[in-house]
Every structure is written in structure tokens, then in C-alpha cells.
Amino acid sequence: MSDRRRRRPVPLGDVVSQYLERSGLERRVDQAHVIPEWEDAVGPKIAEVTAPLSVSADGTLMVAVATHSWMTELSLMEPELLRALNSGREEGRRIGRIRWVLRR
């Protein structure tokens, strides 16, 4: 009997975690968690006029904004928003900046 047949089954979640760690994608996945967490981090008022789109490899979060005036206001709030988004995140898994784009 080959060694492959004698091994016990491994939970799929463990296999995926190991793959993400080995491939270097684990950090990117951790960064991308800000997208579903967006409303909790920024609050319902800001979430109503924004939509997180993606996170780039350098940790830049792209966010669509409803109007120019909101874009200006949110740009001024960026340090505060980054603190909220990065709360509890390890170094290297944080969002470094937010890039605001007008929603079309």
C-alpha cells in the first residue's frame, strides 16, 4: 500500500490555509477582509455613500464614492478611517492608504 493511501483525511480549510501561507497569498486575503467589514468599520452613514472595490498588492484600498463632496470629506477623514480599518490587524496585513474614486 502506498503512503498516500495510509494518510488520514485533512480538513479542506487546513489545506487551503496551508496553500495560502506557502503561496504568499495569506497576507492579501487578510487585507481583503476589509471589504466585507467596511460598514462595521466606517459606520452606516459612510457605508451608504461608498462601496469598497478592491485591495491592491501594496495595501491600497479602492473605494467608490457617490459624490465629489463626499470624496473631499472622506479624504480628510482618511487617517481616522485607516485606524478603524486596521484596528487589530498585524503589521504587513494593514491597509496603507485609501484611493477614492467617483462612483459611475
N, C-alpha and C. Protein backbone atom coordinates (compact mmCIF):
# COMPACT_ATOMS: atom_id res chain seq x y z
N MET A 1 0.84 -1.18 0.00
CA MET A 1 0.00 0.00 0.00
C MET A 1 0.89 1.24 0.00
N SER A 2 0.56 2.21 -0.82
CA SER A 2 1.38 3.42 -0.89
C SER A 2 1.15 4.32 0.32
N ASP A 3 2.10 5.23 0.57
CA ASP A 3 1.98 6.18 1.68
C ASP A 3 0.74 7.06 1.52
N ARG A 4 0.40 7.36 0.28
CA ARG A 4 -0.74 8.22 0.00
C ARG A 4 -2.04 7.62 0.56
N ARG A 5 -2.18 6.33 0.49
CA ARG A 5 -3.41 5.68 0.96
C ARG A 5 -3.49 5.60 2.48
N ARG A 6 -2.36 5.63 3.16
CA ARG A 6 -2.36 5.49 4.61
C ARG A 6 -2.61 6.81 5.33
N ARG A 7 -2.49 7.91 4.66
CA ARG A 7 -2.70 9.20 5.31
C ARG A 7 -4.15 9.42 5.66
N ARG A 8 -4.36 10.11 6.74
CA ARG A 8 -5.72 10.45 7.16
C ARG A 8 -6.22 11.65 6.37
N PRO A 9 -7.51 11.74 6.21
CA PRO A 9 -8.06 12.92 5.53
C PRO A 9 -7.73 14.19 6.32
N VAL A 10 -7.52 15.26 5.59
CA VAL A 10 -7.22 16.56 6.20
C VAL A 10 -8.38 17.49 5.87
N PRO A 11 -8.85 18.26 6.85
CA PRO A 11 -9.94 19.20 6.57
C PRO A 11 -9.55 20.17 5.45
N LEU A 12 -10.49 20.46 4.57
CA LEU A 12 -10.24 21.32 3.43
C LEU A 12 -9.75 22.70 3.87
N GLY A 13 -10.30 23.21 4.95
CA GLY A 13 -9.87 24.52 5.46
C GLY A 13 -8.39 24.55 5.79
N ASP A 14 -7.89 23.44 6.34
CA ASP A 14 -6.46 23.34 6.66
C ASP A 14 -5.62 23.34 5.39
N VAL A 15 -6.08 22.63 4.38
CA VAL A 15 -5.36 22.55 3.11
C VAL A 15 -5.30 23.93 2.46
N VAL A 16 -6.42 24.64 2.45
CA VAL A 16 -6.46 25.98 1.86
C VAL A 16 -5.56 26.92 2.64
N SER A 17 -5.61 26.88 3.97
CA SER A 17 -4.76 27.74 4.80
C SER A 17 -3.29 27.50 4.51
N GLN A 18 -2.91 26.23 4.42
CA GLN A 18 -1.51 25.89 4.13
C GLN A 18 -1.10 26.40 2.76
N TYR A 19 -1.98 26.25 1.78
CA TYR A 19 -1.67 26.73 0.44
C TYR A 19 -1.49 28.24 0.43
N LEU A 20 -2.41 28.97 1.07
CA LEU A 20 -2.31 30.43 1.11
C LEU A 20 -1.03 30.88 1.78
N GLU A 21 -0.65 30.21 2.83
CA GLU A 21 0.59 30.55 3.54
C GLU A 21 1.81 30.30 2.66
N ARG A 22 1.87 29.12 2.05
CA ARG A 22 3.01 28.77 1.19
C ARG A 22 3.12 29.67 -0.03
N SER A 23 1.98 30.05 -0.60
CA SER A 23 1.99 30.84 -1.83
C SER A 23 2.19 32.33 -1.59
N GLY A 24 2.11 32.76 -0.33
CA GLY A 24 2.25 34.18 -0.03
C GLY A 24 0.96 34.96 -0.19
N LEU A 25 -0.14 34.27 -0.45
CA LEU A 25 -1.43 34.95 -0.65
C LEU A 25 -2.18 35.22 0.66
N GLU A 26 -1.72 34.64 1.74
CA GLU A 26 -2.41 34.79 3.02
C GLU A 26 -2.54 36.27 3.42
N ARG A 27 -1.47 37.04 3.24
CA ARG A 27 -1.49 38.47 3.57
C ARG A 27 -2.54 39.21 2.74
N ARG A 28 -2.61 38.88 1.45
CA ARG A 28 -3.58 39.54 0.57
C ARG A 28 -5.02 39.21 0.98
N VAL A 29 -5.26 37.96 1.34
CA VAL A 29 -6.59 37.55 1.79
C VAL A 29 -6.96 38.30 3.07
N ASP A 30 -5.99 38.41 3.99
CA ASP A 30 -6.24 39.15 5.23
C ASP A 30 -6.58 40.61 4.93
N GLN A 31 -5.85 41.21 4.01
CA GLN A 31 -6.14 42.60 3.64
C GLN A 31 -7.53 42.71 3.03
N ALA A 32 -7.91 41.76 2.21
CA ALA A 32 -9.20 41.81 1.53
C ALA A 32 -10.38 41.68 2.49
N HIS A 33 -10.14 41.23 3.71
CA HIS A 33 -11.22 41.13 4.69
C HIS A 33 -11.83 42.48 5.03
N VAL A 34 -11.13 43.58 4.71
CA VAL A 34 -11.71 44.89 4.99
C VAL A 34 -12.95 45.15 4.14
N ILE A 35 -13.06 44.48 3.01
CA ILE A 35 -14.21 44.73 2.13
C ILE A 35 -15.52 44.30 2.79
N PRO A 36 -15.66 43.07 3.27
CA PRO A 36 -16.93 42.74 3.95
C PRO A 36 -17.08 43.42 5.31
N GLU A 37 -15.97 43.88 5.90
CA GLU A 37 -16.01 44.55 7.20
C GLU A 37 -16.20 46.06 7.09
N TRP A 38 -16.27 46.58 5.87
CA TRP A 38 -16.30 48.01 5.62
C TRP A 38 -17.36 48.74 6.44
N GLU A 39 -18.62 48.31 6.36
CA GLU A 39 -19.69 49.02 7.05
C GLU A 39 -19.47 49.05 8.56
N ASP A 40 -19.03 47.96 9.13
CA ASP A 40 -18.78 47.93 10.58
C ASP A 40 -17.66 48.89 10.96
N ALA A 41 -16.65 49.02 10.11
CA ALA A 41 -15.51 49.87 10.41
C ALA A 41 -15.82 51.36 10.25
N VAL A 42 -16.58 51.71 9.20
CA VAL A 42 -16.81 53.13 8.90
C VAL A 42 -18.16 53.65 9.36
N GLY A 43 -19.07 52.76 9.66
CA GLY A 43 -20.41 53.17 10.09
C GLY A 43 -21.39 53.22 8.93
N PRO A 44 -22.69 53.17 9.24
CA PRO A 44 -23.72 53.09 8.20
C PRO A 44 -23.82 54.33 7.32
N LYS A 45 -23.58 55.51 7.87
CA LYS A 45 -23.71 56.75 7.09
C LYS A 45 -22.69 56.79 5.95
N ILE A 46 -21.44 56.48 6.27
CA ILE A 46 -20.39 56.47 5.24
C ILE A 46 -20.58 55.29 4.30
N ALA A 47 -20.95 54.14 4.85
CA ALA A 47 -21.15 52.95 4.01
C ALA A 47 -22.26 53.16 2.99
N GLU A 48 -23.23 53.99 3.33
CA GLU A 48 -24.36 54.25 2.43
C GLU A 48 -23.91 54.96 1.15
N VAL A 49 -22.85 55.77 1.23
CA VAL A 49 -22.41 56.56 0.07
C VAL A 49 -21.10 56.05 -0.52
N THR A 50 -20.64 54.89 -0.05
CA THR A 50 -19.39 54.33 -0.55
C THR A 50 -19.55 52.84 -0.85
N ALA A 51 -18.58 52.33 -1.58
CA ALA A 51 -18.52 50.88 -1.85
C ALA A 51 -17.06 50.48 -2.01
N PRO A 52 -16.53 49.65 -1.11
CA PRO A 52 -15.15 49.19 -1.27
C PRO A 52 -15.07 48.28 -2.50
N LEU A 53 -14.04 48.48 -3.31
CA LEU A 53 -13.94 47.75 -4.57
C LEU A 53 -12.88 46.66 -4.55
N SER A 54 -11.67 47.01 -4.10
CA SER A 54 -10.57 46.04 -4.14
C SER A 54 -9.43 46.53 -3.27
N VAL A 55 -8.48 45.63 -3.04
CA VAL A 55 -7.25 45.96 -2.32
C VAL A 55 -6.09 45.56 -3.22
N SER A 56 -5.18 46.50 -3.49
CA SER A 56 -4.04 46.20 -4.34
C SER A 56 -2.94 45.51 -3.54
N ALA A 57 -1.94 45.01 -4.23
CA ALA A 57 -0.84 44.28 -3.59
C ALA A 57 -0.07 45.14 -2.60
N ASP A 58 -0.05 46.46 -2.82
CA ASP A 58 0.67 47.34 -1.90
C ASP A 58 -0.19 47.81 -0.73
N GLY A 59 -1.41 47.27 -0.60
CA GLY A 59 -2.27 47.60 0.52
C GLY A 59 -3.13 48.84 0.33
N THR A 60 -3.35 49.24 -0.92
CA THR A 60 -4.22 50.38 -1.21
C THR A 60 -5.64 49.87 -1.42
N LEU A 61 -6.56 50.44 -0.66
CA LEU A 61 -7.98 50.09 -0.77
C LEU A 61 -8.65 51.05 -1.73
N MET A 62 -9.28 50.53 -2.76
CA MET A 62 -10.04 51.34 -3.71
C MET A 62 -11.48 51.39 -3.25
N VAL A 63 -12.01 52.62 -3.13
CA VAL A 63 -13.38 52.80 -2.65
C VAL A 63 -14.12 53.75 -3.58
N ALA A 64 -15.28 53.32 -4.07
CA ALA A 64 -16.14 54.17 -4.89
C ALA A 64 -16.96 55.07 -3.97
N VAL A 65 -17.11 56.33 -4.37
CA VAL A 65 -17.83 57.32 -3.57
C VAL A 65 -18.92 57.95 -4.44
N ALA A 66 -20.06 58.24 -3.82
CA ALA A 66 -21.23 58.72 -4.55
C ALA A 66 -21.06 60.11 -5.16
N THR A 67 -20.41 61.04 -4.46
CA THR A 67 -20.31 62.42 -4.95
C THR A 67 -18.92 63.00 -4.68
N HIS A 68 -18.62 64.10 -5.39
CA HIS A 68 -17.35 64.80 -5.17
C HIS A 68 -17.26 65.35 -3.75
N SER A 69 -18.35 65.86 -3.23
CA SER A 69 -18.31 66.43 -1.89
C SER A 69 -18.01 65.35 -0.84
N TRP A 70 -18.59 64.18 -0.99
CA TRP A 70 -18.27 63.09 -0.08
C TRP A 70 -16.81 62.67 -0.26
N MET A 71 -16.32 62.67 -1.47
CA MET A 71 -14.94 62.29 -1.72
C MET A 71 -13.98 63.24 -0.98
N THR A 72 -14.28 64.52 -1.03
CA THR A 72 -13.47 65.51 -0.32
C THR A 72 -13.51 65.27 1.18
N GLU A 73 -14.71 65.10 1.71
CA GLU A 73 -14.88 64.87 3.15
C GLU A 73 -14.14 63.61 3.60
N LEU A 74 -14.29 62.53 2.84
CA LEU A 74 -13.65 61.26 3.21
C LEU A 74 -12.14 61.33 3.09
N SER A 75 -11.64 62.09 2.14
CA SER A 75 -10.19 62.28 2.02
C SER A 75 -9.62 62.90 3.29
N LEU A 76 -10.35 63.84 3.85
CA LEU A 76 -9.91 64.48 5.09
C LEU A 76 -9.99 63.53 6.28
N MET A 77 -10.89 62.58 6.19
CA MET A 77 -11.09 61.60 7.27
C MET A 77 -10.21 60.36 7.12
N GLU A 78 -9.41 60.29 6.07
CA GLU A 78 -8.66 59.07 5.77
C GLU A 78 -7.83 58.54 6.95
N PRO A 79 -7.06 59.36 7.67
CA PRO A 79 -6.30 58.81 8.80
C PRO A 79 -7.19 58.12 9.85
N GLU A 80 -8.32 58.72 10.14
CA GLU A 80 -9.27 58.14 11.09
C GLU A 80 -9.86 56.83 10.57
N LEU A 81 -10.20 56.81 9.29
CA LEU A 81 -10.76 55.60 8.69
C LEU A 81 -9.73 54.48 8.64
N LEU A 82 -8.48 54.81 8.35
CA LEU A 82 -7.43 53.80 8.33
C LEU A 82 -7.23 53.20 9.72
N ARG A 83 -7.29 54.03 10.74
CA ARG A 83 -7.17 53.50 12.11
C ARG A 83 -8.30 52.51 12.40
N ALA A 84 -9.51 52.85 11.99
CA ALA A 84 -10.66 51.96 12.22
C ALA A 84 -10.51 50.66 11.43
N LEU A 85 -10.08 50.76 10.18
CA LEU A 85 -9.93 49.57 9.33
C LEU A 85 -8.81 48.66 9.81
N ASN A 86 -7.75 49.25 10.33
CA ASN A 86 -6.57 48.47 10.71
C ASN A 86 -6.56 48.04 12.17
N SER A 87 -7.57 48.42 12.92
CA SER A 87 -7.62 48.05 14.33
C SER A 87 -7.57 46.54 14.49
N GLY A 88 -6.60 46.06 15.25
CA GLY A 88 -6.46 44.63 15.49
C GLY A 88 -5.74 43.86 14.40
N ARG A 89 -5.31 44.53 13.34
CA ARG A 89 -4.59 43.84 12.25
C ARG A 89 -3.08 43.90 12.51
N GLU A 90 -2.41 42.82 12.14
CA GLU A 90 -0.96 42.74 12.28
C GLU A 90 -0.28 43.63 11.25
N GLU A 91 0.93 44.06 11.60
CA GLU A 91 1.77 44.81 10.65
C GLU A 91 1.95 43.96 9.40
N GLY A 92 1.92 44.56 8.24
CA GLY A 92 2.05 43.82 6.99
C GLY A 92 0.73 43.32 6.44
N ARG A 93 -0.33 43.40 7.23
CA ARG A 93 -1.66 42.97 6.81
C ARG A 93 -2.64 44.14 6.89
N ARG A 94 -2.09 45.32 7.01
CA ARG A 94 -2.91 46.52 7.16
C ARG A 94 -3.10 47.22 5.83
N ILE A 95 -4.12 48.04 5.79
CA ILE A 95 -4.36 48.90 4.63
C ILE A 95 -3.49 50.14 4.81
N GLY A 96 -2.72 50.48 3.79
CA GLY A 96 -1.79 51.61 3.87
C GLY A 96 -2.40 52.94 3.47
N ARG A 97 -3.30 52.88 2.53
CA ARG A 97 -3.96 54.11 2.07
C ARG A 97 -5.28 53.76 1.42
N ILE A 98 -6.11 54.77 1.25
CA ILE A 98 -7.39 54.60 0.57
C ILE A 98 -7.38 55.48 -0.66
N ARG A 99 -7.77 54.91 -1.78
CA ARG A 99 -7.89 55.69 -3.01
C ARG A 99 -9.37 55.82 -3.31
N TRP A 100 -9.84 57.06 -3.37
CA TRP A 100 -11.25 57.34 -3.57
C TRP A 100 -11.51 57.55 -5.06
N VAL A 101 -12.52 56.90 -5.60
CA VAL A 101 -12.91 57.09 -7.00
C VAL A 101 -14.39 57.39 -7.05
N LEU A 102 -14.76 58.24 -7.99
CA LEU A 102 -16.16 58.62 -8.12
C LEU A 102 -16.97 57.45 -8.70
N ARG A 103 -18.06 57.14 -8.02
CA ARG A 103 -18.94 56.05 -8.47
C ARG A 103 -19.59 56.47 -9.78
N ARG A 104 -19.66 55.55 -10.71
CA ARG A 104 -20.28 55.85 -12.03
C ARG A 104 -21.60 55.17 -12.16
